Structures are given as C-alpha cells and as structure tokens.
Amino acid sequence: MDKENTPYKEQPNNPLHGVKLVTILEVLVKHYGWERLAMKININCFKSDPSIKSSLTFLRKTQWARDKVEQLYLDLEKKKNKTGNNKT
C-alpha cells in the first residue's frame, strides 16, 4: 500500500475500519466487565464461563451479535469523545 492509498481513504465513512474485533471486545470488557457486558448484550458467551476466545468464535459466526457488540463499542467511543475522556 502506498501513502496515497491509506485504509482511511478507502473507507472514510466507516468508523470501524481498521479496528479488529478482538480490540473492540477487549475495550468493552475492560470498560464494562463481563457481567455488565452480558447485561447490555444478552448472549451466553458473555454470561457462561466468558473468555475472549469463545466470544470471538461466536461473534465471527453470528452477525446479529457482532452488530450489537460493534454498536456498543461505537456508542462508548462516541461517549468518550464527547466527554473528552479517552481512557477506557
């Protein structure tokens, strides 16, 4: 990829472009913890013996759940940017 053809220029309107699912999940778990995350998004991989690995496996196979996780991440980032708090 050359300097002119950066990923941002390829998808300038996609706020998730370049953000890996594992990063999204780690940020959410760090911010909310597994218990609160399970209350916000009611899926078993967040409730029963939760782990990053099992959650990633489920989210990669289940689009509706991935959409909810991505939306929660976007809402959290928007909230952090609005308050000026960039810490997780």
N, C-alpha and C. Protein backbone atom coordinates (compact mmCIF):
# COMPACT_ATOMS: atom_id res chain seq x y z
N MET A 1 0.84 -1.17 0.00
CA MET A 1 0.00 0.00 0.00
C MET A 1 0.89 1.24 0.00
N ASP A 2 0.64 2.17 -0.88
CA ASP A 2 1.43 3.39 -0.88
C ASP A 2 0.77 4.45 0.01
N LYS A 3 1.46 5.57 0.20
CA LYS A 3 0.97 6.62 1.11
C LYS A 3 -0.34 7.22 0.65
N GLU A 4 -0.55 7.26 -0.64
CA GLU A 4 -1.78 7.85 -1.18
C GLU A 4 -2.99 6.95 -0.96
N ASN A 5 -2.75 5.67 -0.81
CA ASN A 5 -3.83 4.69 -0.75
C ASN A 5 -3.96 4.11 0.66
N THR A 6 -4.14 4.97 1.65
CA THR A 6 -4.24 4.51 3.03
C THR A 6 -5.61 3.89 3.27
N PRO A 7 -5.72 3.02 4.28
CA PRO A 7 -7.02 2.42 4.58
C PRO A 7 -8.09 3.45 4.88
N TYR A 8 -7.72 4.57 5.51
CA TYR A 8 -8.70 5.60 5.83
C TYR A 8 -9.32 6.15 4.56
N LYS A 9 -8.52 6.36 3.54
CA LYS A 9 -9.05 6.90 2.29
C LYS A 9 -9.94 5.89 1.58
N GLU A 10 -9.70 4.61 1.81
CA GLU A 10 -10.51 3.58 1.17
C GLU A 10 -11.92 3.53 1.75
N GLN A 11 -12.05 3.79 3.06
CA GLN A 11 -13.35 3.74 3.72
C GLN A 11 -13.48 4.89 4.72
N PRO A 12 -13.54 6.11 4.25
CA PRO A 12 -13.54 7.25 5.17
C PRO A 12 -14.79 7.36 6.04
N ASN A 13 -15.90 6.75 5.64
CA ASN A 13 -17.14 6.86 6.41
C ASN A 13 -17.40 5.65 7.30
N ASN A 14 -16.44 4.76 7.40
CA ASN A 14 -16.60 3.57 8.23
C ASN A 14 -15.78 3.74 9.51
N PRO A 15 -16.43 4.06 10.63
CA PRO A 15 -15.69 4.30 11.87
C PRO A 15 -15.02 3.05 12.43
N LEU A 16 -15.40 1.88 11.97
CA LEU A 16 -14.80 0.64 12.46
C LEU A 16 -13.68 0.13 11.56
N HIS A 17 -13.44 0.81 10.45
CA HIS A 17 -12.41 0.36 9.52
C HIS A 17 -11.04 0.36 10.21
N GLY A 18 -10.38 -0.76 10.17
CA GLY A 18 -9.06 -0.88 10.77
C GLY A 18 -9.08 -1.28 12.24
N VAL A 19 -10.27 -1.38 12.83
CA VAL A 19 -10.39 -1.79 14.23
C VAL A 19 -10.75 -3.28 14.25
N LYS A 20 -9.89 -4.08 14.86
CA LYS A 20 -10.12 -5.52 14.90
C LYS A 20 -11.18 -5.87 15.93
N LEU A 21 -11.89 -6.95 15.67
CA LEU A 21 -12.93 -7.41 16.58
C LEU A 21 -12.36 -7.71 17.96
N VAL A 22 -11.16 -8.27 18.01
CA VAL A 22 -10.54 -8.57 19.30
C VAL A 22 -10.30 -7.28 20.09
N THR A 23 -9.91 -6.21 19.42
CA THR A 23 -9.68 -4.93 20.08
C THR A 23 -10.99 -4.38 20.62
N ILE A 24 -12.04 -4.45 19.83
CA ILE A 24 -13.36 -3.98 20.26
C ILE A 24 -13.79 -4.73 21.51
N LEU A 25 -13.66 -6.04 21.49
CA LEU A 25 -14.07 -6.86 22.63
C LEU A 25 -13.23 -6.56 23.87
N GLU A 26 -11.92 -6.40 23.70
CA GLU A 26 -11.05 -6.10 24.83
C GLU A 26 -11.40 -4.75 25.46
N VAL A 27 -11.70 -3.76 24.64
CA VAL A 27 -12.09 -2.44 25.15
C VAL A 27 -13.38 -2.53 25.94
N LEU A 28 -14.36 -3.24 25.39
CA LEU A 28 -15.65 -3.38 26.08
C LEU A 28 -15.52 -4.14 27.39
N VAL A 29 -14.74 -5.21 27.40
CA VAL A 29 -14.55 -5.99 28.63
C VAL A 29 -13.81 -5.16 29.67
N LYS A 30 -12.83 -4.41 29.24
CA LYS A 30 -12.08 -3.57 30.18
C LYS A 30 -12.99 -2.49 30.77
N HIS A 31 -13.85 -1.92 29.95
CA HIS A 31 -14.72 -0.84 30.41
C HIS A 31 -15.89 -1.35 31.26
N TYR A 32 -16.58 -2.36 30.77
CA TYR A 32 -17.80 -2.84 31.43
C TYR A 32 -17.57 -4.05 32.34
N GLY A 33 -16.62 -4.90 31.99
CA GLY A 33 -16.50 -6.19 32.66
C GLY A 33 -17.49 -7.17 32.04
N TRP A 34 -17.26 -8.46 32.24
CA TRP A 34 -18.11 -9.47 31.61
C TRP A 34 -19.55 -9.40 32.09
N GLU A 35 -19.74 -9.18 33.39
CA GLU A 35 -21.10 -9.20 33.94
C GLU A 35 -21.96 -8.07 33.37
N ARG A 36 -21.43 -6.86 33.37
CA ARG A 36 -22.19 -5.73 32.81
C ARG A 36 -22.36 -5.86 31.30
N LEU A 37 -21.34 -6.40 30.64
CA LEU A 37 -21.43 -6.60 29.20
C LEU A 37 -22.55 -7.59 28.87
N ALA A 38 -22.68 -8.63 29.68
CA ALA A 38 -23.75 -9.62 29.49
C ALA A 38 -25.12 -9.00 29.74
N MET A 39 -25.20 -8.02 30.64
CA MET A 39 -26.48 -7.34 30.87
C MET A 39 -26.83 -6.43 29.70
N LYS A 40 -25.83 -5.83 29.08
CA LYS A 40 -26.08 -4.93 27.96
C LYS A 40 -26.40 -5.71 26.68
N ILE A 41 -25.69 -6.82 26.47
CA ILE A 41 -25.91 -7.66 25.30
C ILE A 41 -26.13 -9.08 25.80
N ASN A 42 -27.35 -9.54 25.70
CA ASN A 42 -27.76 -10.81 26.29
C ASN A 42 -27.37 -12.00 25.40
N ILE A 43 -26.10 -12.39 25.51
CA ILE A 43 -25.64 -13.58 24.79
C ILE A 43 -24.86 -14.47 25.75
N ASN A 44 -25.01 -15.77 25.58
CA ASN A 44 -24.44 -16.73 26.52
C ASN A 44 -22.93 -16.68 26.63
N CYS A 45 -22.24 -16.35 25.55
CA CYS A 45 -20.77 -16.35 25.62
C CYS A 45 -20.25 -15.25 26.54
N PHE A 46 -21.10 -14.28 26.91
CA PHE A 46 -20.71 -13.25 27.88
C PHE A 46 -21.14 -13.64 29.30
N LYS A 47 -22.04 -14.62 29.42
CA LYS A 47 -22.60 -15.00 30.72
C LYS A 47 -21.95 -16.25 31.30
N SER A 48 -21.83 -17.27 30.49
CA SER A 48 -21.41 -18.58 30.97
C SER A 48 -19.94 -18.82 30.64
N ASP A 49 -19.09 -18.78 31.66
CA ASP A 49 -17.65 -19.01 31.51
C ASP A 49 -17.07 -18.15 30.37
N PRO A 50 -17.20 -16.82 30.46
CA PRO A 50 -16.79 -15.95 29.36
C PRO A 50 -15.28 -15.92 29.16
N SER A 51 -14.89 -15.82 27.90
CA SER A 51 -13.49 -15.62 27.54
C SER A 51 -13.44 -14.88 26.21
N ILE A 52 -12.32 -14.24 25.96
CA ILE A 52 -12.15 -13.53 24.70
C ILE A 52 -12.25 -14.53 23.54
N LYS A 53 -11.56 -15.66 23.67
CA LYS A 53 -11.52 -16.64 22.58
C LYS A 53 -12.90 -17.17 22.22
N SER A 54 -13.67 -17.59 23.23
CA SER A 54 -15.00 -18.14 22.92
C SER A 54 -15.94 -17.07 22.38
N SER A 55 -15.80 -15.86 22.89
CA SER A 55 -16.64 -14.76 22.41
C SER A 55 -16.31 -14.41 20.97
N LEU A 56 -15.02 -14.38 20.63
CA LEU A 56 -14.62 -14.10 19.25
C LEU A 56 -15.16 -15.16 18.30
N THR A 57 -15.08 -16.41 18.70
CA THR A 57 -15.59 -17.50 17.86
C THR A 57 -17.08 -17.30 17.59
N PHE A 58 -17.84 -17.01 18.63
CA PHE A 58 -19.28 -16.80 18.48
C PHE A 58 -19.58 -15.56 17.64
N LEU A 59 -18.91 -14.46 17.92
CA LEU A 59 -19.20 -13.21 17.22
C LEU A 59 -18.84 -13.28 15.74
N ARG A 60 -17.82 -14.05 15.41
CA ARG A 60 -17.44 -14.19 14.00
C ARG A 60 -18.46 -15.01 13.21
N LYS A 61 -19.20 -15.85 13.90
CA LYS A 61 -20.20 -16.71 13.24
C LYS A 61 -21.61 -16.13 13.30
N THR A 62 -21.85 -15.16 14.18
CA THR A 62 -23.20 -14.68 14.45
C THR A 62 -23.28 -13.17 14.21
N GLN A 63 -23.74 -12.79 13.02
CA GLN A 63 -23.70 -11.39 12.60
C GLN A 63 -24.53 -10.48 13.50
N TRP A 64 -25.73 -10.90 13.92
CA TRP A 64 -26.58 -10.02 14.74
C TRP A 64 -25.89 -9.68 16.05
N ALA A 65 -25.19 -10.65 16.63
CA ALA A 65 -24.49 -10.40 17.90
C ALA A 65 -23.29 -9.49 17.66
N ARG A 66 -22.58 -9.72 16.58
CA ARG A 66 -21.44 -8.87 16.24
C ARG A 66 -21.90 -7.43 16.01
N ASP A 67 -23.03 -7.26 15.34
CA ASP A 67 -23.57 -5.91 15.11
C ASP A 67 -23.84 -5.20 16.43
N LYS A 68 -24.40 -5.91 17.40
CA LYS A 68 -24.69 -5.31 18.70
C LYS A 68 -23.40 -4.92 19.43
N VAL A 69 -22.40 -5.78 19.36
CA VAL A 69 -21.11 -5.50 20.01
C VAL A 69 -20.45 -4.29 19.36
N GLU A 70 -20.45 -4.25 18.04
CA GLU A 70 -19.85 -3.12 17.33
C GLU A 70 -20.59 -1.82 17.64
N GLN A 71 -21.92 -1.87 17.73
CA GLN A 71 -22.69 -0.67 18.05
C GLN A 71 -22.41 -0.19 19.47
N LEU A 72 -22.29 -1.11 20.41
CA LEU A 72 -21.96 -0.74 21.78
C LEU A 72 -20.58 -0.09 21.84
N TYR A 73 -19.64 -0.61 21.08
CA TYR A 73 -18.30 -0.03 21.00
C TYR A 73 -18.35 1.39 20.43
N LEU A 74 -19.10 1.57 19.35
CA LEU A 74 -19.23 2.90 18.75
C LEU A 74 -19.87 3.89 19.72
N ASP A 75 -20.90 3.43 20.44
CA ASP A 75 -21.55 4.29 21.43
C ASP A 75 -20.58 4.68 22.54
N LEU A 76 -19.77 3.73 22.99
CA LEU A 76 -18.79 4.00 24.03
C LEU A 76 -17.74 4.99 23.54
N GLU A 77 -17.24 4.81 22.34
CA GLU A 77 -16.24 5.72 21.78
C GLU A 77 -16.82 7.12 21.60
N LYS A 78 -18.06 7.20 21.15
CA LYS A 78 -18.72 8.49 20.98
C LYS A 78 -18.86 9.19 22.33
N LYS A 79 -19.25 8.43 23.34
CA LYS A 79 -19.41 8.97 24.69
C LYS A 79 -18.07 9.46 25.24
N LYS A 80 -17.01 8.68 25.01
CA LYS A 80 -15.68 9.06 25.49
C LYS A 80 -15.19 10.32 24.78
N ASN A 81 -15.43 10.41 23.47
CA ASN A 81 -15.01 11.59 22.72
C ASN A 81 -15.80 12.82 23.12
N LYS A 82 -17.07 12.63 23.44
CA LYS A 82 -17.92 13.75 23.84
C LYS A 82 -17.48 14.34 25.18
N THR A 83 -17.10 13.46 26.11
CA THR A 83 -16.67 13.92 27.43
C THR A 83 -15.19 14.26 27.47
N GLY A 84 -14.49 13.95 26.39
CA GLY A 84 -13.06 14.22 26.35
C GLY A 84 -12.25 13.22 27.13
N ASN A 85 -12.87 12.12 27.53
CA ASN A 85 -12.19 11.08 28.29
C ASN A 85 -11.79 9.97 27.33
N ASN A 86 -10.52 9.90 26.98
CA ASN A 86 -10.05 8.88 26.05
C ASN A 86 -9.53 7.65 26.75
N LYS A 87 -9.62 7.61 28.07
CA LYS A 87 -9.21 6.41 28.80
C LYS A 87 -10.35 5.40 28.75
N THR A 88 -10.00 4.15 28.77
CA THR A 88 -11.01 3.09 28.71
C THR A 88 -11.54 2.74 30.06
